[in-house]
Amino acid sequence: MENPNVTITIIDREGNSQTYEAPTDMNMNLMEFCKAIELPIKGECGGMAMCATCQVYIESNTELPEKSDAEIDMLDQAFFVKENSRLGCQIHLHENIGGLIVRLAPEID
């Protein structure tokens, strides 16, 4: 049987980098995965692209699906947005994102 996992690297807010095997067979997104491994990511809206508390910076050249209008609108209102900002809830764990490297955006108090 094929390995249903994908390798992703997550850099926390202190700059520590950790590589994980993330499941692609559970219909999870990056925000849900970060919460499951107890990284400090809020995801207050539950993955509806309505809060930006799961913002990450894409640090690899991994090809991701285009941002939805809802994601673009939310990032327009978010803090600490950069050119490579994405919402973790909008990045689904799929075999095509193997090698993805993300950095957690600063937390908003």
Protein backbone atom coordinates (compact mmCIF):
# COMPACT_ATOMS: atom_id res chain seq x y z
CA MET A 1 0.00 0.00 0.00
CA GLU A 2 1.13 3.51 -0.82
CA ASN A 3 2.20 5.87 1.96
CA PRO A 4 -0.78 8.22 2.51
CA ASN A 5 1.49 10.87 4.07
CA VAL A 6 3.23 13.95 2.75
CA THR A 7 6.37 15.55 4.18
CA ILE A 8 6.03 19.18 5.24
CA THR A 9 8.31 21.46 7.25
CA ILE A 10 6.90 23.99 9.68
CA ILE A 11 8.96 26.81 11.20
CA ASP A 12 7.51 28.07 14.48
CA ARG A 13 7.50 31.66 15.73
CA GLU A 14 10.85 31.16 17.49
CA GLY A 15 12.49 30.05 14.23
CA ASN A 16 12.61 26.33 15.10
CA SER A 17 12.12 24.10 12.08
CA GLN A 18 10.52 20.65 12.28
CA THR A 19 9.67 18.23 9.49
CA TYR A 20 6.47 16.20 9.79
CA GLU A 21 4.73 13.37 8.00
CA ALA A 22 1.22 14.73 7.47
CA PRO A 23 -1.69 12.47 6.50
CA THR A 24 -3.26 13.03 3.09
CA ASP A 25 -6.06 10.53 3.64
CA MET A 26 -7.95 12.40 6.38
CA ASN A 27 -9.20 15.45 4.42
CA MET A 28 -7.26 17.80 6.72
CA ASN A 29 -5.94 21.26 5.99
CA LEU A 30 -2.68 22.74 7.25
CA MET A 31 -4.38 24.66 10.09
CA GLU A 32 -6.04 21.47 11.38
CA PHE A 33 -2.75 19.60 11.16
CA CYS A 34 -0.91 22.34 13.10
CA LYS A 35 -3.57 22.18 15.82
CA ALA A 36 -3.36 18.37 15.90
CA ILE A 37 0.40 18.49 16.54
CA GLU A 38 -0.18 21.24 19.13
CA LEU A 39 1.52 24.13 17.34
CA PRO A 40 0.27 27.53 18.57
CA ILE A 41 -2.08 28.34 15.71
CA LYS A 42 -5.57 29.59 16.57
CA GLY A 43 -7.82 29.00 13.59
CA GLU A 44 -10.62 30.77 15.42
CA CYS A 45 -13.16 30.60 12.59
CA GLY A 46 -12.73 26.84 12.20
CA GLY A 47 -11.34 26.97 8.68
CA MET A 48 -13.83 29.26 6.96
CA ALA A 49 -11.23 31.85 5.77
CA MET A 50 -12.86 34.43 8.04
CA CYS A 51 -10.23 35.28 10.69
CA ALA A 52 -6.59 34.95 9.43
CA THR A 53 -5.43 33.49 12.78
CA CYS A 54 -3.93 30.57 10.82
CA GLN A 55 -1.80 32.73 8.53
CA VAL A 56 1.47 31.19 7.36
CA TYR A 57 4.26 32.27 5.05
CA ILE A 58 5.13 29.89 2.22
CA GLU A 59 8.92 29.43 2.27
CA SER A 60 9.26 26.85 -0.51
CA ASN A 61 8.53 26.88 -4.23
CA THR A 62 5.76 24.33 -3.76
CA GLU A 63 2.96 24.87 -6.23
CA LEU A 64 -0.29 25.50 -4.39
CA PRO A 65 -3.81 26.10 -5.65
CA GLU A 66 -4.66 29.75 -6.35
CA LYS A 67 -6.04 31.81 -3.49
CA SER A 68 -9.82 31.93 -3.38
CA ASP A 69 -11.61 35.29 -3.32
CA ALA A 70 -12.45 34.67 0.36
CA GLU A 71 -8.78 34.05 1.18
CA ILE A 72 -7.67 37.17 -0.71
CA ASP A 73 -10.32 39.27 1.06
CA MET A 74 -9.26 37.96 4.48
CA LEU A 75 -5.57 38.56 3.84
CA ASP A 76 -6.42 42.13 2.78
CA GLN A 77 -7.67 42.70 6.33
CA ALA A 78 -5.01 40.71 8.22
CA PHE A 79 -1.90 41.87 10.06
CA PHE A 80 1.70 40.99 9.12
CA VAL A 81 0.72 40.05 5.55
CA LYS A 82 3.55 39.41 3.10
CA GLU A 83 3.71 38.49 -0.56
CA ASN A 84 3.94 34.80 0.42
CA SER A 85 1.09 34.84 2.98
CA ARG A 86 -1.56 32.14 2.87
CA LEU A 87 -4.25 30.96 5.26
CA GLY A 88 -3.40 27.52 6.63
CA CYS A 89 -7.07 26.53 6.52
CA GLN A 90 -7.03 26.96 2.74
CA ILE A 91 -4.07 24.63 2.15
CA HIS A 92 -5.36 21.07 2.01
CA LEU A 93 -2.96 18.24 2.79
CA HIS A 94 -2.57 16.55 -0.57
CA GLU A 95 0.21 14.50 -2.15
CA ASN A 96 0.99 17.42 -4.50
CA ILE A 97 2.29 19.60 -1.64
CA GLY A 98 5.16 17.30 -0.65
CA GLY A 99 8.19 19.32 0.44
CA LEU A 100 6.09 22.32 1.49
CA ILE A 101 7.86 24.65 3.93
CA VAL A 102 5.82 27.18 5.91
CA ARG A 103 6.57 29.66 8.68
CA LEU A 104 3.90 30.56 11.22
CA ALA A 105 2.97 34.26 11.02
CA PRO A 106 3.26 36.34 14.20
CA GLU A 107 0.35 35.96 16.59
CA ILE A 108 -2.03 38.87 17.07
CA ASP A 109 -2.67 39.73 20.71
